Amino acid sequence: MNRNDLHPYQEHCIKHIIDNPRCGLFLDMGLGKTVTTLTAFQVLKYDYVEVTKALVIAPKRIVESVWEEEAKLWDHLKDLTFSKIIGTEKQRKAALLRRADIYLISRDNITWLCESLGGEFPFDMLIIDELSSFKSYKTKRFKSLKSYARCASRFVGLTGTPAPNSLIDLWPQIYFMDYGKRLGRTISDYRSRFFTPDKMQNHVVFSYALNPNAADTIRASISDICISLSAADYLQLPALIENDIKLELTPELKEKYKTFEKEKIFEIFEGFDINTDDNEIPAVSATALSNKLLQFANGAMYTPDHEVINIHDIKLDALDSIMEEANGEPVIVAWSYRFDCDRIMERFKAYSPRCLVDQKDIDDWNAGKIKMLLLHPASGGHGLNLQKGGHIIVWYGLTWSLELYQQLNARLYRQGQTKPVMIHRLIMKGTHDVDVARAIVDKNTGQKALLDSLKAKIEYYLKNR
C-alpha cells in the first residue's frame, strides 16, 4: 500500500497535525491513527525539515507489535527507522542511544525515562498513543512527563476514548497540548469552571457533576486543536451484533448467592450508616464486594489464602455451546480472573486454547492457526489488529470499564474486517453480572457505576436485617 491508499479523512488528519504543532486526534478504533501519525511525521521530517526524531509513548504491547509493523505495510513509510526502548535497563539505555526516527517506550517506563534524561529532552516530537491512559493528574507518569512535554516542539495525542467515564478525565490530556490555556491551568480551575461537587463526605469530594451547557463549552474550547471522528461516519464495516446469553443459577445456587451477598454486606458494612447524607460507600470495600459477587457468577472464588474454590460450571457449559455453534470458526474469549483463564484452558484442551502473550500469538491468530484465543481486556484491549483472525468474541466476564470493553471489541470490529462481528456476553441472571451489563449500556462505567449498583443492595439488606 502507498499514500494514495489513505482515506480522505486520514489526509485531513495529517493536515491537522501539520497545521497544529500541539493537537489531538480523537479517532474511533479502526480509523488508522497509527499510519496517519507516521505519515504526518514523515512529512514534517523530510518535506518540512521541522523535526528529527519522535518519541511514542504507548501501552507495552503496542510498543512491541504495532507501530513498526504498521510502517512495514506502507511503501511511503518503509524507510522510517525504529528503536524500541524495552527490556532491561541496560537494553533500554542502549535503545535510547541507537539512531532512529521513531523511539517507542511503554507508559510504564516514563518515570524511568524522565529520571534518566537528566533534564534534557532529545525528542522534538512527542506522541502519546492511547492518551486516555494519562487521564489522571495524580499518577507518576503524568507528573513525570508534565514538564518534559513542553520541551517537544510538537505534540500529538491519540485516543478513541478521551473521556470514557466522565469529562473530568479530559483536563490532564488537554494540558499536554496547551498547558491549561483552554480548560484551566490547574485541575482546580477546570473543576470550578465546569463542574459542581456531586457526592462528598465532609470536605472530601467523591464525584463531580457537569454544570448546565458545560459539555458543549468544553468541546467548543478544544475544537480548534482536537479532531474527533467516528468510524460509523467514515468506514463501511460489517454488522456488529451483541448477543446477551442469559444464564441461570440452580435454585440451590441462587440461595447460596443471596446468602453470600447478604453476609458479605453485613461483614463489610456493619456499623456503617448508608442513609446519612454525609456518608458514601467506602470504595475499597465496595470493590472487594463487587469482585466477590462477580467471581461467584463466573463459577469460582478466591479464598483469603488465594486458593480457588470451584462453585459451578454454568458459564463453561455455555462457552462449550458457543464453540460448538461456531463450527470451527476462531473465537476470542475475554476473561476477568486468573481462575477463569485456568478453568477455560483446562476445559477446552481439545481446541488447543492459547493466551495472548506476544507477537507470535498475534501472527498465529491472524493466520488462522488458533481456534480459541484467551485475552484479558486490560492487557489486550488497545492497539492490536486481530480482525484477520476471526469475528467472534465471548465475554466470559464483563468489565466495568467502558473504555476496555469498547477497545477489546474493536480488535475485531475495525477496518479490514469482512464478516459480521458477533459479541456474546455471558450474563448470570439475578447476579452482579446484570449490574455491569446495564452500566455498559448506560455508558456509566467505572467506580461510580460500581458504587451506584451496590448502594441499593446495601440499603435493602441493612434495613431488613
Protein backbone atom coordinates (compact mmCIF):
# COMPACT_ATOMS: atom_id res chain seq x y z
CA MET A 1 0.00 0.00 0.00
CA ASN A 2 1.09 3.57 -0.58
CA ARG A 3 -0.07 7.02 0.45
CA ASN A 4 -2.66 7.12 -2.31
CA ASP A 5 -4.48 4.36 -0.43
CA LEU A 6 -5.12 6.58 2.58
CA HIS A 7 -8.70 7.74 3.10
CA PRO A 8 -9.60 11.43 2.63
CA TYR A 9 -10.33 11.77 6.36
CA GLN A 10 -6.79 10.49 7.10
CA GLU A 11 -5.32 13.16 4.81
CA HIS A 12 -7.43 15.70 6.69
CA CYS A 13 -5.97 14.45 9.98
CA ILE A 14 -2.42 14.61 8.57
CA LYS A 15 -3.00 18.24 7.63
CA HIS A 16 -4.39 18.88 11.11
CA ILE A 17 -1.17 17.56 12.71
CA ILE A 18 1.00 19.61 10.37
CA ASP A 19 -1.02 22.81 10.87
CA ASN A 20 -1.31 22.46 14.66
CA PRO A 21 2.01 21.87 16.46
CA ARG A 22 0.19 20.62 19.56
CA CYS A 23 -3.02 18.71 18.87
CA GLY A 24 -5.19 15.69 19.50
CA LEU A 25 -6.75 13.07 17.24
CA PHE A 26 -9.80 11.55 18.96
CA LEU A 27 -10.43 8.85 16.37
CA ASP A 28 -12.64 5.81 16.80
CA MET A 29 -10.89 2.47 16.94
CA GLY A 30 -10.07 1.19 13.45
CA LEU A 31 -9.73 4.56 11.71
CA GLY A 32 -5.98 4.13 11.19
CA LYS A 33 -4.49 6.73 13.52
CA THR A 34 -1.08 5.00 13.53
CA VAL A 35 -0.42 5.29 9.79
CA THR A 36 -1.92 8.78 9.84
CA THR A 37 0.50 9.96 12.52
CA LEU A 38 3.51 8.23 10.93
CA THR A 39 2.73 9.91 7.61
CA ALA A 40 2.50 13.31 9.30
CA PHE A 41 5.86 12.70 10.98
CA GLN A 42 7.44 11.71 7.67
CA VAL A 43 6.17 14.90 6.02
CA LEU A 44 7.38 17.06 8.91
CA LYS A 45 10.81 15.43 8.83
CA TYR A 46 11.55 15.05 5.13
CA ASP A 47 9.42 17.74 3.46
CA TYR A 48 9.35 20.50 6.09
CA VAL A 49 12.63 19.54 7.81
CA GLU A 50 10.96 20.58 11.05
CA VAL A 51 11.53 17.50 13.24
CA THR A 52 14.29 14.94 13.54
CA LYS A 53 13.02 12.24 15.86
CA ALA A 54 9.85 11.40 17.73
CA LEU A 55 9.10 9.63 20.99
CA VAL A 56 5.98 7.46 21.00
CA ILE A 57 4.53 6.53 24.40
CA ALA A 58 2.07 3.65 24.29
CA PRO A 59 0.88 0.53 26.14
CA LYS A 60 3.60 -2.13 26.24
CA ARG A 61 2.00 -4.46 23.71
CA ILE A 62 1.50 -1.63 21.22
CA VAL A 63 5.16 -0.66 21.58
CA GLU A 64 6.20 -4.22 20.86
CA SER A 65 3.94 -5.04 17.95
CA VAL A 66 2.06 -2.16 16.31
CA TRP A 67 3.97 0.95 15.18
CA GLU A 68 6.93 -0.59 13.39
CA GLU A 69 4.77 -3.36 11.93
CA GLU A 70 2.28 -0.78 10.61
CA ALA A 71 5.05 1.16 8.87
CA LYS A 72 6.14 -2.01 7.04
CA LEU A 73 2.72 -2.23 5.39
CA TRP A 74 3.09 1.13 3.62
CA ASP A 75 5.56 1.85 0.82
CA HIS A 76 5.91 5.53 1.70
CA LEU A 77 6.90 4.66 5.30
CA LYS A 78 9.26 1.77 4.66
CA ASP A 79 12.41 3.86 5.19
CA LEU A 80 11.45 5.02 8.69
CA THR A 81 13.62 3.50 11.40
CA PHE A 82 12.52 2.50 14.89
CA SER A 83 14.09 1.88 18.26
CA LYS A 84 12.07 0.13 20.96
CA ILE A 85 13.03 1.20 24.48
CA ILE A 86 12.08 -2.07 26.15
CA GLY A 87 13.70 -4.85 28.16
CA THR A 88 16.24 -4.50 30.93
CA GLU A 89 17.59 -1.13 31.98
CA LYS A 90 20.76 -1.84 30.03
CA GLN A 91 18.75 -2.66 26.91
CA ARG A 92 16.60 0.44 27.33
CA LYS A 93 19.65 2.68 27.63
CA ALA A 94 21.15 1.10 24.51
CA ALA A 95 17.89 1.70 22.61
CA LEU A 96 17.97 5.36 23.63
CA LEU A 97 21.45 5.74 22.14
CA ARG A 98 20.53 3.92 18.93
CA ARG A 99 19.99 6.11 15.88
CA ALA A 100 16.37 6.10 14.70
CA ASP A 101 13.46 8.22 13.52
CA ILE A 102 10.88 6.87 15.96
CA TYR A 103 11.59 5.82 19.54
CA LEU A 104 8.96 3.71 21.27
CA ILE A 105 8.53 3.32 25.02
CA SER A 106 5.80 1.88 27.22
CA ARG A 107 3.96 4.25 29.52
CA ASP A 108 5.17 2.16 32.48
CA ASN A 109 8.73 3.31 31.81
CA ILE A 110 8.01 7.04 31.51
CA THR A 111 9.15 7.89 35.03
CA TRP A 112 12.38 5.94 34.47
CA LEU A 113 12.96 7.75 31.18
CA CYS A 114 12.41 11.21 32.63
CA GLU A 115 14.76 10.45 35.50
CA SER A 116 17.37 9.14 33.06
CA LEU A 117 17.31 12.16 30.75
CA GLY A 118 18.94 14.48 33.26
CA GLY A 119 16.84 17.50 32.39
CA GLU A 120 17.26 17.27 28.61
CA PHE A 121 14.59 16.04 26.21
CA PRO A 122 16.22 14.82 22.97
CA PHE A 123 12.96 14.44 21.02
CA ASP A 124 11.33 17.27 19.09
CA MET A 125 8.03 15.42 18.60
CA LEU A 126 6.11 13.66 21.35
CA ILE A 127 3.28 11.26 20.52
CA ILE A 128 1.11 9.59 23.14
CA ASP A 129 -0.82 6.62 21.81
CA GLU A 130 -3.89 5.94 23.95
CA LEU A 131 -3.74 9.39 25.52
CA SER A 132 -6.56 8.46 27.89
CA SER A 133 -4.04 6.46 29.94
CA PHE A 134 -2.86 9.90 31.14
CA LYS A 135 -6.33 10.95 32.27
CA SER A 136 -5.33 11.06 35.94
CA TYR A 137 -3.28 14.08 37.02
CA LYS A 138 -2.30 12.19 40.20
CA THR A 139 -0.26 9.46 38.52
CA LYS A 140 3.55 9.44 38.47
CA ARG A 141 3.54 9.11 34.69
CA PHE A 142 1.62 12.39 34.31
CA LYS A 143 3.72 14.24 36.88
CA SER A 144 6.97 12.97 35.36
CA LEU A 145 6.04 13.91 31.79
CA LYS A 146 4.29 17.19 32.59
CA SER A 147 7.39 19.41 32.35
CA TYR A 148 9.19 17.40 29.65
CA ALA A 149 6.20 17.59 27.30
CA ARG A 150 6.87 21.32 26.93
CA CYS A 151 10.34 20.58 25.56
CA ALA A 152 8.99 18.96 22.42
CA SER A 153 8.09 21.46 19.72
CA ARG A 154 5.31 19.15 18.57
CA PHE A 155 2.80 17.01 20.46
CA VAL A 156 0.15 14.60 19.20
CA GLY A 157 -2.32 12.87 21.50
CA LEU A 158 -4.12 9.81 20.08
CA THR A 159 -7.15 8.10 21.57
CA GLY A 160 -10.56 6.78 20.67
CA THR A 161 -11.91 7.32 24.18
CA PRO A 162 -10.69 10.64 25.65
CA ALA A 163 -13.34 10.67 28.38
CA PRO A 164 -14.54 7.08 28.86
CA ASN A 165 -16.03 7.71 32.29
CA SER A 166 -16.51 11.47 32.56
CA LEU A 167 -15.38 14.76 31.03
CA ILE A 168 -13.49 15.31 34.28
CA ASP A 169 -10.87 12.99 32.70
CA LEU A 170 -10.15 15.44 29.90
CA TRP A 171 -8.10 18.12 31.67
CA PRO A 172 -4.75 16.25 32.03
CA GLN A 173 -4.86 15.19 28.39
CA ILE A 174 -5.53 18.66 27.01
CA TYR A 175 -2.93 20.14 29.37
CA PHE A 176 -0.20 18.42 27.32
CA MET A 177 -1.44 20.34 24.28
CA ASP A 178 -1.87 23.87 25.63
CA TYR A 179 -0.58 23.97 29.25
CA GLY A 180 -4.01 24.98 30.54
CA LYS A 181 -4.90 27.72 28.07
CA ARG A 182 -8.31 26.31 27.14
CA LEU A 183 -9.53 24.35 30.17
CA GLY A 184 -7.62 25.95 33.04
CA ARG A 185 -4.06 25.98 34.32
CA THR A 186 -4.88 23.59 37.15
CA ILE A 187 -7.39 20.80 37.72
CA SER A 188 -8.99 23.05 40.35
CA ASP A 189 -9.53 25.77 37.74
CA TYR A 190 -11.13 23.23 35.42
CA ARG A 191 -13.44 21.86 38.10
CA SER A 192 -14.54 25.24 39.40
CA ARG A 193 -15.33 26.47 35.90
CA PHE A 194 -17.24 23.50 34.51
CA PHE A 195 -18.32 21.26 37.42
CA THR A 196 -20.18 21.24 40.72
CA PRO A 197 -19.31 18.87 43.60
CA ASP A 198 -21.79 15.99 43.46
CA LYS A 199 -21.11 13.38 46.12
CA MET A 200 -18.96 14.26 49.10
CA GLN A 201 -18.17 13.32 52.67
CA ASN A 202 -17.22 16.19 54.93
CA HIS A 203 -14.80 18.13 52.71
CA VAL A 204 -13.83 15.18 50.52
CA VAL A 205 -15.49 15.22 47.06
CA PHE A 206 -16.03 11.79 45.51
CA SER A 207 -17.57 12.89 42.21
CA TYR A 208 -18.44 15.99 40.19
CA ALA A 209 -21.49 16.86 38.08
CA LEU A 210 -21.28 18.92 34.91
CA ASN A 211 -22.71 22.42 35.05
CA PRO A 212 -25.52 23.21 32.56
CA ASN A 213 -24.15 23.59 28.99
CA ALA A 214 -20.62 22.85 30.27
CA ALA A 215 -20.13 19.85 27.97
CA ASP A 216 -20.77 21.97 24.86
CA THR A 217 -18.47 24.70 26.17
CA ILE A 218 -15.66 22.21 26.83
CA ARG A 219 -15.94 20.68 23.37
CA ALA A 220 -16.03 24.10 21.71
CA SER A 221 -12.97 25.21 23.71
CA ILE A 222 -10.79 22.41 22.32
CA SER A 223 -12.31 22.08 18.84
CA ASP A 224 -9.50 24.06 17.20
CA ILE A 225 -6.77 21.63 18.29
CA CYS A 226 -8.69 18.33 18.55
CA ILE A 227 -10.34 16.34 15.77
CA SER A 228 -13.00 13.80 16.71
CA LEU A 229 -14.09 11.24 14.12
CA SER A 230 -16.49 8.30 14.35
CA ALA A 231 -15.87 5.07 12.46
CA ALA A 232 -19.55 4.84 11.59
CA ASP A 233 -19.23 8.05 9.56
CA TYR A 234 -16.20 7.00 7.52
CA LEU A 235 -15.98 3.23 7.26
CA GLN A 236 -18.29 0.69 5.71
CA LEU A 237 -17.98 -2.04 8.30
CA PRO A 238 -20.00 -5.24 8.51
CA ALA A 239 -22.66 -5.56 11.20
CA LEU A 240 -21.79 -5.57 14.90
CA ILE A 241 -24.13 -7.86 16.83
CA GLU A 242 -24.25 -8.00 20.63
CA ASN A 243 -25.89 -11.15 21.95
CA ASP A 244 -26.63 -11.41 25.65
CA ILE A 245 -26.72 -15.05 26.71
CA LYS A 246 -28.68 -15.02 29.94
CA LEU A 247 -27.79 -17.89 32.22
CA GLU A 248 -29.45 -19.01 35.41
CA LEU A 249 -28.18 -20.42 38.67
CA THR A 250 -29.87 -23.52 40.05
CA PRO A 251 -32.32 -22.85 42.94
CA GLU A 252 -29.71 -24.12 45.38
CA LEU A 253 -27.01 -21.84 43.94
CA LYS A 254 -29.41 -18.88 43.90
CA GLU A 255 -29.97 -19.32 47.61
CA LYS A 256 -26.23 -19.61 48.22
CA TYR A 257 -25.57 -16.47 46.19
CA LYS A 258 -28.17 -14.42 48.08
CA THR A 259 -26.89 -15.69 51.40
CA PHE A 260 -23.30 -14.92 50.43
CA GLU A 261 -24.26 -11.44 49.17
CA LYS A 262 -26.08 -10.63 52.40
CA GLU A 263 -23.34 -11.99 54.66
CA LYS A 264 -20.60 -10.08 52.82
CA ILE A 265 -22.59 -6.85 53.06
CA PHE A 266 -23.03 -7.33 56.81
CA GLU A 267 -19.36 -8.22 57.14
CA ILE A 268 -18.08 -5.21 55.20
CA PHE A 269 -20.62 -2.56 56.17
CA GLU A 270 -21.51 -3.47 59.77
CA GLY A 271 -21.96 -0.22 61.70
CA PHE A 272 -21.93 1.90 58.55
CA ASP A 273 -24.87 4.30 58.20
CA ILE A 274 -25.50 4.26 54.47
CA ASN A 275 -28.56 6.50 54.73
CA THR A 276 -26.97 9.67 56.10
CA ASP A 277 -26.18 12.42 53.63
CA ASP A 278 -22.57 12.77 54.72
CA ASN A 279 -21.61 9.13 54.15
CA GLU A 280 -20.71 7.28 50.99
CA ILE A 281 -19.83 3.67 50.37
CA PRO A 282 -16.12 3.06 51.04
CA ALA A 283 -14.69 2.45 47.56
CA VAL A 284 -12.20 -0.23 48.62
CA SER A 285 -14.86 -2.25 50.43
CA ALA A 286 -17.33 -1.85 47.58
CA THR A 287 -14.75 -3.05 45.05
CA ALA A 288 -13.95 -6.08 47.20
CA LEU A 289 -17.64 -6.95 47.47
CA SER A 290 -18.19 -6.43 43.74
CA ASN A 291 -15.29 -8.73 42.88
CA LYS A 292 -16.57 -11.48 45.14
CA LEU A 293 -20.05 -11.34 43.63
CA LEU A 294 -18.70 -11.40 40.07
CA GLN A 295 -16.41 -14.31 40.93
CA PHE A 296 -19.40 -16.28 42.22
CA ALA A 297 -21.29 -15.56 38.99
CA ASN A 298 -18.32 -16.75 36.92
CA GLY A 299 -18.21 -20.06 38.79
CA ALA A 300 -15.29 -19.91 41.21
CA MET A 301 -13.91 -17.78 44.01
CA TYR A 302 -10.63 -16.92 45.71
CA THR A 303 -10.29 -17.73 49.40
CA PRO A 304 -8.42 -15.37 51.76
CA ASP A 305 -5.42 -17.67 51.22
CA HIS A 306 -5.67 -17.14 47.44
CA GLU A 307 -6.81 -20.67 46.80
CA VAL A 308 -9.60 -21.27 44.27
CA ILE A 309 -12.93 -22.82 45.19
CA ASN A 310 -14.97 -24.10 42.25
CA ILE A 311 -18.69 -23.32 42.59
CA HIS A 312 -20.35 -24.19 39.27
CA ASP A 313 -19.67 -24.80 35.56
CA ILE A 314 -22.63 -22.92 34.10
CA LYS A 315 -20.56 -20.41 32.12
CA LEU A 316 -18.15 -23.11 30.99
CA ASP A 317 -21.11 -25.10 29.64
CA ALA A 318 -22.41 -22.01 27.84
CA LEU A 319 -18.99 -21.41 26.29
CA ASP A 320 -18.96 -25.05 25.19
CA SER A 321 -22.23 -24.49 23.30
CA ILE A 322 -20.84 -21.34 21.65
CA MET A 323 -17.73 -23.17 20.49
CA GLU A 324 -19.87 -25.96 19.06
CA GLU A 325 -22.10 -23.46 17.23
CA ALA A 326 -19.03 -21.64 15.91
CA ASN A 327 -18.35 -24.82 13.93
CA GLY A 328 -14.61 -24.31 13.69
CA GLU A 329 -14.60 -20.50 13.47
CA PRO A 330 -11.93 -18.95 15.73
CA VAL A 331 -13.17 -17.36 18.96
CA ILE A 332 -11.68 -14.76 21.31
CA VAL A 333 -12.64 -15.24 24.95
CA ALA A 334 -12.35 -12.24 27.27
CA TRP A 335 -11.77 -13.34 30.86
CA SER A 336 -11.84 -11.48 34.19
CA TYR A 337 -10.00 -13.52 36.83
CA ARG A 338 -6.96 -15.75 36.55
CA PHE A 339 -9.01 -18.78 37.56
CA ASP A 340 -11.37 -18.05 34.63
CA CYS A 341 -8.43 -18.42 32.26
CA ASP A 342 -7.15 -21.56 34.01
CA ARG A 343 -10.55 -23.24 34.05
CA ILE A 344 -11.18 -22.43 30.38
CA MET A 345 -7.74 -23.74 29.39
CA GLU A 346 -8.44 -26.97 31.26
CA ARG A 347 -11.98 -27.47 29.95
CA PHE A 348 -11.23 -26.74 26.30
CA LYS A 349 -7.95 -28.61 25.75
CA ALA A 350 -9.37 -30.09 22.56
CA TYR A 351 -9.27 -26.61 20.95
CA SER A 352 -5.62 -26.04 21.96
CA PRO A 353 -6.51 -22.68 23.55
CA ARG A 354 -3.80 -20.07 23.82
CA CYS A 355 -3.40 -16.95 25.97
CA LEU A 356 -2.24 -13.91 24.02
CA VAL A 357 1.29 -13.20 25.20
CA ASP A 358 3.46 -11.98 22.34
CA GLN A 359 3.69 -11.15 18.64
CA LYS A 360 3.77 -14.82 17.65
CA ASP A 361 0.32 -15.28 19.18
CA ILE A 362 -0.96 -12.29 17.21
CA ASP A 363 0.56 -13.59 13.97
CA ASP A 364 -0.76 -17.12 14.53
CA TRP A 365 -4.25 -15.80 15.31
CA ASN A 366 -4.35 -13.68 12.16
CA ALA A 367 -3.06 -16.66 10.17
CA GLY A 368 -5.98 -18.78 11.38
CA LYS A 369 -3.82 -21.11 13.48
CA ILE A 370 -5.64 -20.50 16.79
CA LYS A 371 -9.22 -21.66 17.42
CA MET A 372 -9.57 -20.18 20.91
CA LEU A 373 -7.60 -17.11 21.99
CA LEU A 374 -7.86 -16.03 25.63
CA LEU A 375 -7.49 -12.33 26.24
CA HIS A 376 -7.74 -10.12 29.32
CA PRO A 377 -9.24 -6.71 28.47
CA ALA A 378 -6.61 -4.78 30.44
CA SER A 379 -3.69 -6.39 28.58
CA GLY A 380 -5.14 -6.81 25.11
CA GLY A 381 -7.70 -4.06 24.77
CA HIS A 382 -5.65 -1.43 22.94
CA GLY A 383 -3.98 -1.22 19.58
CA LEU A 384 -3.92 -4.82 18.40
CA ASN A 385 -5.05 -5.72 14.89
CA LEU A 386 -6.81 -9.06 15.24
CA GLN A 387 -9.54 -8.63 12.62
CA LYS A 388 -7.95 -11.04 10.14
CA GLY A 389 -8.17 -13.98 12.53
CA GLY A 390 -11.85 -14.11 13.36
CA HIS A 391 -15.12 -12.32 14.04
CA ILE A 392 -16.44 -13.80 17.31
CA ILE A 393 -15.82 -12.55 20.85
CA VAL A 394 -17.17 -14.12 24.04
CA TRP A 395 -17.20 -12.01 27.20
CA TYR A 396 -16.92 -14.71 29.86
CA GLY A 397 -16.99 -11.93 32.46
CA LEU A 398 -17.73 -8.28 31.72
CA THR A 399 -15.65 -5.28 32.79
CA TRP A 400 -16.81 -2.07 34.50
CA SER A 401 -14.55 -0.10 32.17
CA LEU A 402 -16.40 1.17 29.11
CA GLU A 403 -13.05 2.02 27.54
CA LEU A 404 -11.68 -1.53 27.88
CA TYR A 405 -14.97 -3.00 26.68
CA GLN A 406 -15.04 -0.87 23.54
CA GLN A 407 -11.33 -1.27 22.87
CA LEU A 408 -11.35 -5.06 23.07
CA ASN A 409 -14.38 -5.33 20.78
CA ALA A 410 -12.57 -3.03 18.35
CA ARG A 411 -9.76 -5.58 17.96
CA LEU A 412 -12.14 -7.37 15.57
CA TYR A 413 -14.62 -4.66 14.64
CA ARG A 414 -12.28 -2.45 12.66
CA GLN A 415 -11.09 -1.65 9.17
CA GLY A 416 -10.25 -4.86 7.31
CA GLN A 417 -12.97 -6.97 8.95
CA THR A 418 -15.02 -8.77 6.29
CA LYS A 419 -17.60 -10.65 8.39
CA PRO A 420 -20.28 -9.53 10.85
CA VAL A 421 -18.74 -9.34 14.31
CA MET A 422 -20.62 -11.30 16.97
CA ILE A 423 -20.19 -10.25 20.61
CA HIS A 424 -21.54 -12.90 23.01
CA ARG A 425 -21.91 -11.75 26.63
CA LEU A 426 -22.43 -14.41 29.30
CA ILE A 427 -24.69 -12.85 31.94
CA MET A 428 -25.81 -14.72 35.04
CA LYS A 429 -29.37 -13.64 35.84
CA GLY A 430 -30.05 -12.36 39.33
CA THR A 431 -26.38 -11.59 39.99
CA HIS A 432 -23.96 -8.67 39.84
CA ASP A 433 -23.38 -9.54 36.15
CA VAL A 434 -26.65 -7.76 35.36
CA ASP A 435 -25.45 -4.54 37.02
CA VAL A 436 -22.25 -4.49 34.97
CA ALA A 437 -24.10 -5.18 31.72
CA ARG A 438 -26.59 -2.40 32.49
CA ALA A 439 -23.79 0.05 33.29
CA ILE A 440 -22.16 -0.58 29.91
CA VAL A 441 -25.44 0.01 28.08
CA ASP A 442 -25.92 3.24 30.04
CA LYS A 443 -22.27 4.21 29.35
CA ASN A 444 -21.96 4.80 33.08
CA THR A 445 -18.93 2.72 33.91
CA GLY A 446 -16.06 2.79 36.32
CA GLN A 447 -16.08 3.28 40.06
CA LYS A 448 -19.21 5.47 40.11
CA ALA A 449 -21.28 2.78 38.39
CA LEU A 450 -19.91 0.14 40.73
CA LEU A 451 -20.84 2.17 43.80
CA ASP A 452 -24.27 3.07 42.47
CA SER A 453 -25.09 -0.54 41.65
CA LEU A 454 -24.24 -1.73 45.17
CA LYS A 455 -25.93 1.07 47.07
CA ALA A 456 -29.48 -0.23 46.61
CA LYS A 457 -28.47 -3.73 47.70
CA ILE A 458 -26.69 -2.42 50.79
CA GLU A 459 -29.60 -0.19 51.77
CA TYR A 460 -32.04 -3.07 51.38
CA TYR A 461 -30.07 -5.54 53.46
CA LEU A 462 -29.19 -3.07 56.20
CA LYS A 463 -32.83 -2.01 56.53
CA ASN A 464 -34.15 -5.57 56.59
CA ARG A 465 -31.64 -7.41 58.75
